[in-house]
Amino acid sequence: MSRYYVAEFTKDGKLIAVISGLGKNRDRWDADHSRSAAYRYARILRQAHPGRVFRVI
């Protein structure tokens, strides 16, 4: 299984952080997800924080 991560970037494409503690990883430092889960969490974060850039890496 491949590992996918949700990351936050600046508007000019520089990596700020990899987001951990989402979904089944809540309250843990784990950050890896399946492909579909990573895209789902990135979409949820984009909707919750307009103007911020979240991508799957």
N, C-alpha and C. Protein backbone atom coordinates (compact mmCIF):
# COMPACT_ATOMS: atom_id res chain seq x y z
N MET A 1 0.84 -1.18 0.00
CA MET A 1 0.00 0.00 0.00
C MET A 1 0.88 1.24 0.00
N SER A 2 0.59 2.15 -0.88
CA SER A 2 1.32 3.42 -0.93
C SER A 2 0.85 4.34 0.17
N ARG A 3 1.72 5.23 0.55
CA ARG A 3 1.37 6.19 1.60
C ARG A 3 1.18 7.57 0.98
N TYR A 4 0.12 8.21 1.37
CA TYR A 4 -0.18 9.55 0.89
C TYR A 4 -0.32 10.46 2.10
N TYR A 5 0.07 11.72 1.92
CA TYR A 5 0.05 12.68 3.02
C TYR A 5 -0.68 13.94 2.57
N VAL A 6 -1.33 14.61 3.52
CA VAL A 6 -1.93 15.90 3.26
C VAL A 6 -0.95 16.95 3.78
N ALA A 7 -0.60 17.89 2.92
CA ALA A 7 0.37 18.91 3.29
C ALA A 7 -0.18 20.29 3.00
N GLU A 8 0.27 21.27 3.76
CA GLU A 8 -0.10 22.67 3.52
C GLU A 8 1.07 23.37 2.85
N PHE A 9 0.75 24.15 1.84
CA PHE A 9 1.75 24.90 1.07
C PHE A 9 1.43 26.38 1.10
N THR A 10 2.45 27.21 0.86
CA THR A 10 2.24 28.63 0.68
C THR A 10 1.67 28.85 -0.73
N LYS A 11 1.21 30.06 -1.00
CA LYS A 11 0.65 30.37 -2.32
C LYS A 11 1.68 30.18 -3.43
N ASP A 12 2.97 30.37 -3.12
CA ASP A 12 4.00 30.21 -4.15
C ASP A 12 4.59 28.80 -4.19
N GLY A 13 3.95 27.84 -3.50
CA GLY A 13 4.32 26.43 -3.62
C GLY A 13 5.34 25.89 -2.65
N LYS A 14 5.69 26.65 -1.61
CA LYS A 14 6.65 26.15 -0.63
C LYS A 14 5.91 25.35 0.45
N LEU A 15 6.47 24.20 0.80
CA LEU A 15 5.89 23.34 1.82
C LEU A 15 5.95 24.01 3.19
N ILE A 16 4.82 24.04 3.87
CA ILE A 16 4.77 24.56 5.24
C ILE A 16 4.82 23.40 6.23
N ALA A 17 3.90 22.43 6.04
CA ALA A 17 3.81 21.33 7.01
C ALA A 17 3.04 20.16 6.43
N VAL A 18 3.33 18.98 6.95
CA VAL A 18 2.52 17.80 6.67
C VAL A 18 1.54 17.70 7.83
N ILE A 19 0.26 17.50 7.51
CA ILE A 19 -0.79 17.49 8.52
C ILE A 19 -0.92 16.08 9.10
N SER A 20 -0.87 15.97 10.43
CA SER A 20 -1.05 14.68 11.08
C SER A 20 -2.29 14.73 11.96
N GLY A 21 -2.74 13.57 12.42
CA GLY A 21 -3.85 13.51 13.35
C GLY A 21 -5.22 13.61 12.72
N LEU A 22 -5.37 13.23 11.44
CA LEU A 22 -6.66 13.29 10.77
C LEU A 22 -7.33 11.92 10.77
N GLY A 23 -8.64 11.88 10.89
CA GLY A 23 -9.39 10.64 10.76
C GLY A 23 -9.01 9.60 11.79
N LYS A 24 -8.69 8.38 11.32
CA LYS A 24 -8.33 7.29 12.24
C LYS A 24 -7.05 7.60 13.01
N ASN A 25 -6.29 8.58 12.56
CA ASN A 25 -5.05 8.97 13.23
C ASN A 25 -5.27 10.07 14.28
N ARG A 26 -6.51 10.38 14.57
CA ARG A 26 -6.82 11.46 15.51
C ARG A 26 -6.07 11.26 16.83
N ASP A 27 -5.52 12.35 17.33
CA ASP A 27 -4.76 12.38 18.58
C ASP A 27 -3.45 11.59 18.52
N ARG A 28 -2.95 11.33 17.30
CA ARG A 28 -1.66 10.66 17.13
C ARG A 28 -0.83 11.45 16.13
N TRP A 29 0.45 11.14 16.07
CA TRP A 29 1.35 11.83 15.14
C TRP A 29 1.33 11.22 13.74
N ASP A 30 0.63 10.09 13.57
CA ASP A 30 0.58 9.43 12.27
C ASP A 30 0.00 10.35 11.21
N ALA A 31 0.59 10.33 10.02
CA ALA A 31 0.15 11.24 8.97
C ALA A 31 -0.15 10.54 7.65
N ASP A 32 0.11 9.23 7.55
CA ASP A 32 -0.09 8.56 6.26
C ASP A 32 -1.53 8.06 6.12
N HIS A 33 -2.01 8.07 4.87
CA HIS A 33 -3.38 7.68 4.55
C HIS A 33 -3.40 6.90 3.25
N SER A 34 -4.54 6.28 2.97
CA SER A 34 -4.76 5.74 1.64
C SER A 34 -4.96 6.92 0.69
N ARG A 35 -4.88 6.67 -0.59
CA ARG A 35 -5.03 7.75 -1.58
C ARG A 35 -6.38 8.45 -1.44
N SER A 36 -7.46 7.66 -1.37
CA SER A 36 -8.80 8.26 -1.30
C SER A 36 -9.00 9.05 -0.01
N ALA A 37 -8.50 8.53 1.11
CA ALA A 37 -8.64 9.24 2.38
C ALA A 37 -7.85 10.55 2.37
N ALA A 38 -6.66 10.53 1.82
CA ALA A 38 -5.84 11.74 1.77
C ALA A 38 -6.53 12.83 0.95
N TYR A 39 -7.08 12.46 -0.21
CA TYR A 39 -7.80 13.46 -1.02
C TYR A 39 -9.06 13.96 -0.32
N ARG A 40 -9.74 13.07 0.38
CA ARG A 40 -10.93 13.48 1.12
C ARG A 40 -10.58 14.49 2.21
N TYR A 41 -9.52 14.21 2.99
CA TYR A 41 -9.12 15.13 4.06
C TYR A 41 -8.61 16.46 3.49
N ALA A 42 -7.91 16.42 2.38
CA ALA A 42 -7.46 17.67 1.75
C ALA A 42 -8.65 18.51 1.33
N ARG A 43 -9.68 17.87 0.76
CA ARG A 43 -10.88 18.60 0.35
C ARG A 43 -11.59 19.21 1.56
N ILE A 44 -11.70 18.46 2.64
CA ILE A 44 -12.35 18.96 3.86
C ILE A 44 -11.57 20.15 4.41
N LEU A 45 -10.24 20.07 4.44
CA LEU A 45 -9.43 21.17 4.95
C LEU A 45 -9.54 22.41 4.07
N ARG A 46 -9.59 22.22 2.74
CA ARG A 46 -9.75 23.37 1.82
C ARG A 46 -11.08 24.07 2.07
N GLN A 47 -12.13 23.30 2.31
CA GLN A 47 -13.45 23.89 2.56
C GLN A 47 -13.48 24.61 3.90
N ALA A 48 -12.81 24.06 4.90
CA ALA A 48 -12.80 24.65 6.24
C ALA A 48 -11.90 25.89 6.34
N HIS A 49 -10.89 25.96 5.47
CA HIS A 49 -9.92 27.06 5.53
C HIS A 49 -9.70 27.65 4.14
N PRO A 50 -10.70 28.39 3.62
CA PRO A 50 -10.52 28.98 2.29
C PRO A 50 -9.32 29.93 2.26
N GLY A 51 -8.62 29.94 1.16
CA GLY A 51 -7.46 30.80 1.04
C GLY A 51 -6.16 30.12 1.42
N ARG A 52 -6.25 28.95 2.06
CA ARG A 52 -5.05 28.18 2.39
C ARG A 52 -4.92 27.05 1.38
N VAL A 53 -3.71 26.58 1.12
CA VAL A 53 -3.44 25.59 0.08
C VAL A 53 -3.08 24.25 0.72
N PHE A 54 -3.93 23.25 0.50
CA PHE A 54 -3.70 21.89 0.98
C PHE A 54 -3.61 20.97 -0.24
N ARG A 55 -2.58 20.13 -0.28
CA ARG A 55 -2.38 19.20 -1.39
C ARG A 55 -2.00 17.83 -0.85
N VAL A 56 -2.23 16.82 -1.67
CA VAL A 56 -1.81 15.46 -1.34
C VAL A 56 -0.44 15.22 -1.96
N ILE A 57 0.47 14.70 -1.12
CA ILE A 57 1.81 14.38 -1.62
C ILE A 57 2.11 12.92 -1.36
